[in-house]
Amino acid sequence: MRTAVGSMWSGGRAGDAVGMPTTRKGRWLLVVDIAIPLALYYGLKALGVGDLIALLAGVIPGLISSAVSLVRERRTDLVGMAVVVSMVASTVVAVIGGDARLLLVRNAWISLPFAGITLWSLRHPKPLTYIVTRAMFTRRAALMDELWETNARFRDAWKWITVCWGIASIVDAVVRVVLSYTLPISVVPALDPVITIATIVVLQVPTIVLLRRSGTYHLVFAPRRPTAVPS
């Protein structure tokens, strides 16, 4: 299963704040990233297959989904590429080392690159969280661009949101490593989606609070877009 930060942008409507998977594509990713890997792992374990092989089987659906998505979109996606590279690298290391726990921590390999990309984007004019959210809401892209150009509080909100998501990605990685090496192997796969959902839900708090404090949340995420942007 891919980690929270590798999948949290796959949703469509951020009226559920930012990044909650509510579109048909988002629901399909939940099946590919959570349901199928869990079914494969625990199904194979019930048949007497070892942890490493069962975990490897669970990696395949997410890896195929990520690769197909990159090829289909035909554009450079740093986050998507980081997910694919991290999944492949962790799988190779686990196979060579013969250690199932190395495969359990593969999601940390995704969280850390995502954290780096997210925080690094603060050096650029527009941070990653703003860019991805704008891409998700094409109908409100013009409004977001206008707010970005005219509203300093809106710009500051997205910069701090980016900091929160970057730090949360680091914490996510640390938690996954600790749990992967302290809990029984068979318990960790079931906890993985719990961590994913918890991370996404928790991150809605600073996202919503910061945008509300900037006075722009209702402009971007309200059910109906206002006809004009206040000066």
Protein backbone atom coordinates (compact mmCIF):
# COMPACT_ATOMS: atom_id res chain seq x y z
CA MET A 1 0.00 0.00 0.00
CA ARG A 2 1.19 3.46 -0.80
CA THR A 3 1.61 5.85 2.07
CA ALA A 4 -0.76 8.68 2.92
CA VAL A 5 1.37 11.37 1.39
CA GLY A 6 1.74 9.45 -1.84
CA SER A 7 -2.02 9.11 -2.28
CA MET A 8 -3.56 12.08 -0.52
CA TRP A 9 -3.61 14.20 -3.66
CA SER A 10 -5.57 11.60 -5.61
CA GLY A 11 -8.96 12.89 -4.55
CA GLY A 12 -10.94 15.30 -6.60
CA ARG A 13 -13.13 17.68 -4.60
CA ALA A 14 -11.42 19.44 -1.80
CA GLY A 15 -14.68 20.70 -0.46
CA ASP A 16 -13.74 17.82 1.81
CA ALA A 17 -10.78 20.10 2.52
CA VAL A 18 -7.69 19.14 0.54
CA GLY A 19 -6.81 15.68 -0.67
CA MET A 20 -9.61 13.46 0.57
CA PRO A 21 -10.31 10.82 -2.07
CA THR A 22 -13.94 11.34 -3.09
CA THR A 23 -13.92 10.98 -6.88
CA ARG A 24 -14.33 7.74 -8.80
CA LYS A 25 -10.56 7.75 -9.35
CA GLY A 26 -10.00 8.27 -5.63
CA ARG A 27 -12.28 5.38 -4.72
CA TRP A 28 -10.49 3.14 -7.22
CA LEU A 29 -7.15 4.05 -5.64
CA LEU A 30 -8.53 3.05 -2.25
CA VAL A 31 -9.29 -0.36 -3.71
CA VAL A 32 -5.86 -0.69 -5.36
CA ASP A 33 -3.86 0.75 -2.46
CA ILE A 34 -5.72 -0.77 0.48
CA ALA A 35 -8.29 -3.46 -0.26
CA ILE A 36 -6.41 -5.56 -2.81
CA PRO A 37 -3.00 -5.53 -1.02
CA LEU A 38 -4.62 -6.48 2.30
CA ALA A 39 -6.63 -9.25 0.66
CA LEU A 40 -3.52 -10.58 -1.08
CA TYR A 41 -1.36 -10.47 2.05
CA TYR A 42 -3.78 -12.07 4.50
CA GLY A 43 -5.14 -14.46 1.87
CA LEU A 44 -1.66 -15.75 1.03
CA LYS A 45 -0.73 -15.93 4.73
CA ALA A 46 -3.80 -18.09 5.32
CA LEU A 47 -2.50 -20.42 2.60
CA GLY A 48 0.82 -20.75 4.41
CA VAL A 49 2.88 -18.35 2.27
CA GLY A 50 5.74 -16.55 4.02
CA ASP A 51 5.58 -12.88 5.03
CA LEU A 52 8.03 -11.64 2.42
CA ILE A 53 6.26 -13.27 -0.55
CA ALA A 54 2.83 -12.21 0.74
CA LEU A 55 4.00 -8.61 1.16
CA LEU A 56 5.61 -8.61 -2.29
CA ALA A 57 2.30 -9.69 -3.80
CA GLY A 58 0.64 -6.74 -2.10
CA VAL A 59 3.11 -4.29 -3.63
CA ILE A 60 2.31 -5.25 -7.22
CA PRO A 61 -1.16 -3.60 -7.57
CA GLY A 62 0.04 -0.22 -6.28
CA LEU A 63 3.20 -0.33 -8.37
CA ILE A 64 1.26 -1.11 -11.54
CA SER A 65 -1.29 1.60 -10.75
CA SER A 66 1.43 4.21 -10.19
CA ALA A 67 3.33 3.27 -13.33
CA VAL A 68 0.19 3.26 -15.50
CA SER A 69 -0.83 6.65 -14.11
CA LEU A 70 2.55 8.18 -14.99
CA VAL A 71 2.48 6.73 -18.51
CA ARG A 72 -1.12 7.73 -19.12
CA GLU A 73 -0.64 11.33 -18.00
CA ARG A 74 2.51 11.63 -20.13
CA ARG A 75 4.06 14.32 -18.00
CA THR A 76 6.71 14.63 -15.32
CA ASP A 77 5.16 14.18 -11.89
CA LEU A 78 7.79 14.43 -9.15
CA VAL A 79 5.53 13.00 -6.47
CA GLY A 80 4.35 10.14 -8.69
CA MET A 81 7.89 9.36 -9.79
CA ALA A 82 9.09 9.41 -6.17
CA VAL A 83 6.35 6.90 -5.27
CA VAL A 84 7.32 4.50 -8.07
CA VAL A 85 11.08 4.78 -7.45
CA SER A 86 10.64 4.30 -3.70
CA MET A 87 8.41 1.27 -4.15
CA VAL A 88 10.82 -0.36 -6.60
CA ALA A 89 13.89 0.42 -4.48
CA SER A 90 12.36 -0.88 -1.25
CA THR A 91 11.17 -4.03 -2.99
CA VAL A 92 14.63 -4.74 -4.44
CA VAL A 93 16.31 -4.14 -1.07
CA ALA A 94 13.81 -6.40 0.72
CA VAL A 95 14.28 -9.21 -1.82
CA ILE A 96 18.06 -8.98 -1.69
CA GLY A 97 18.08 -8.79 2.10
CA GLY A 98 15.38 -11.42 2.50
CA ASP A 99 13.85 -9.34 5.29
CA ALA A 100 10.09 -8.75 5.27
CA ARG A 101 10.45 -5.79 7.62
CA LEU A 102 12.46 -3.95 4.98
CA LEU A 103 9.37 -4.17 2.81
CA LEU A 104 7.09 -3.03 5.64
CA VAL A 105 8.96 0.28 5.86
CA ARG A 106 8.65 0.96 2.13
CA ASN A 107 6.01 3.60 2.82
CA ALA A 108 8.54 5.55 4.85
CA TRP A 109 10.70 5.56 1.73
CA ILE A 110 7.81 7.37 0.03
CA SER A 111 7.00 9.75 2.88
CA LEU A 112 10.54 11.07 3.18
CA PRO A 113 10.99 11.97 -0.52
CA PHE A 114 7.56 13.58 -0.45
CA ALA A 115 8.57 15.60 2.60
CA GLY A 116 11.73 16.70 0.83
CA ILE A 117 9.89 17.70 -2.34
CA THR A 118 7.20 19.51 -0.35
CA LEU A 119 9.58 21.53 1.82
CA TRP A 120 11.94 22.18 -1.10
CA SER A 121 9.02 23.72 -3.02
CA LEU A 122 8.98 26.56 -0.47
CA ARG A 123 12.05 27.92 -2.25
CA HIS A 124 9.96 28.43 -5.37
CA PRO A 125 7.35 31.14 -6.05
CA LYS A 126 4.44 28.75 -5.48
CA PRO A 127 4.62 25.81 -3.02
CA LEU A 128 3.63 22.27 -3.88
CA THR A 129 0.40 22.21 -1.88
CA TYR A 130 -0.91 25.23 -3.77
CA ILE A 131 0.15 23.90 -7.18
CA VAL A 132 -1.43 20.48 -6.66
CA THR A 133 -4.64 21.88 -5.17
CA ARG A 134 -4.96 24.32 -8.07
CA ALA A 135 -4.55 21.42 -10.50
CA MET A 136 -7.29 19.50 -8.71
CA PHE A 137 -9.72 22.42 -8.92
CA THR A 138 -9.48 23.51 -12.53
CA ARG A 139 -12.79 25.38 -12.34
CA ARG A 140 -11.42 27.56 -9.57
CA ALA A 141 -7.87 27.86 -10.85
CA ALA A 142 -8.43 31.39 -12.15
CA LEU A 143 -9.84 32.45 -8.78
CA MET A 144 -6.92 30.90 -6.92
CA ASP A 145 -4.47 32.64 -9.26
CA GLU A 146 -6.17 35.97 -8.64
CA LEU A 147 -6.09 35.43 -4.89
CA TRP A 148 -2.43 34.46 -5.09
CA GLU A 149 -1.57 37.66 -6.94
CA THR A 150 -3.66 40.03 -4.82
CA ASN A 151 -3.93 38.52 -1.34
CA ALA A 152 -0.79 38.23 0.81
CA ARG A 153 -2.67 36.34 3.55
CA PHE A 154 -3.71 33.73 0.98
CA ARG A 155 -0.10 33.26 -0.11
CA ASP A 156 1.13 33.02 3.49
CA ALA A 157 -1.57 30.44 4.31
CA TRP A 158 -0.38 28.12 1.54
CA LYS A 159 3.23 28.47 2.58
CA TRP A 160 2.40 27.42 6.14
CA ILE A 161 0.14 24.63 4.87
CA THR A 162 3.12 23.35 2.90
CA VAL A 163 5.29 23.43 6.03
CA CYS A 164 2.65 21.42 7.92
CA TRP A 165 2.38 18.80 5.18
CA GLY A 166 6.15 18.50 4.92
CA ILE A 167 6.62 18.02 8.66
CA ALA A 168 3.69 15.60 8.82
CA SER A 169 5.31 13.52 6.08
CA ILE A 170 8.47 13.21 8.16
CA VAL A 171 6.46 12.21 11.24
CA ASP A 172 4.51 9.73 9.11
CA ALA A 173 7.77 8.10 8.00
CA VAL A 174 9.15 7.87 11.54
CA VAL A 175 5.94 6.33 12.89
CA ARG A 176 5.90 3.72 10.12
CA VAL A 177 9.52 2.72 10.74
CA VAL A 178 8.99 2.40 14.50
CA LEU A 179 5.82 0.33 14.13
CA SER A 180 7.36 -1.86 11.41
CA TYR A 181 10.24 -2.87 13.69
CA THR A 182 8.40 -3.13 17.01
CA LEU A 183 5.11 -4.85 16.14
CA PRO A 184 4.51 -8.37 14.79
CA ILE A 185 4.82 -8.41 11.00
CA SER A 186 1.27 -9.64 10.52
CA VAL A 187 -0.15 -6.61 12.39
CA VAL A 188 1.58 -3.86 10.40
CA PRO A 189 -0.27 -4.25 7.05
CA ALA A 190 -3.61 -3.76 8.80
CA LEU A 191 -2.30 -0.65 10.57
CA ASP A 192 -0.97 0.88 7.37
CA PRO A 193 -4.33 2.19 6.06
CA VAL A 194 -5.16 3.42 9.57
CA ILE A 195 -2.01 5.55 9.58
CA THR A 196 -2.81 6.74 6.06
CA ILE A 197 -6.34 7.85 6.92
CA ALA A 198 -5.27 9.36 10.25
CA THR A 199 -2.53 11.40 8.57
CA ILE A 200 -4.89 12.74 5.92
CA VAL A 201 -7.60 13.59 8.45
CA VAL A 202 -5.19 15.30 10.84
CA LEU A 203 -3.74 17.39 8.02
CA GLN A 204 -7.17 18.78 7.23
CA VAL A 205 -7.06 20.72 10.51
CA PRO A 206 -4.14 23.08 9.74
CA THR A 207 -5.25 23.31 6.10
CA ILE A 208 -8.75 24.48 7.00
CA VAL A 209 -7.66 26.64 9.95
CA LEU A 210 -4.98 28.49 8.00
CA LEU A 211 -7.25 29.16 5.02
CA ARG A 212 -10.07 30.29 7.28
CA ARG A 213 -7.74 32.66 9.12
CA SER A 214 -6.69 34.11 5.79
CA GLY A 215 -10.37 34.78 5.05
CA THR A 216 -10.23 32.86 1.76
CA TYR A 217 -11.41 29.35 2.60
CA HIS A 218 -15.02 30.05 1.64
CA LEU A 219 -13.90 31.61 -1.65
CA VAL A 220 -12.02 28.52 -2.81
CA PHE A 221 -13.90 25.63 -1.21
CA ALA A 222 -17.44 26.92 -0.77
CA PRO A 223 -20.11 24.94 -2.69
CA ARG A 224 -20.76 27.96 -4.87
CA ARG A 225 -18.00 30.19 -6.10
CA PRO A 226 -18.55 33.92 -5.56
CA THR A 227 -18.79 36.10 -8.61
CA ALA A 228 -16.00 38.42 -7.57
CA VAL A 229 -12.88 38.39 -5.45
CA PRO A 230 -12.92 41.00 -2.68
CA SER A 231 -10.05 43.45 -2.79
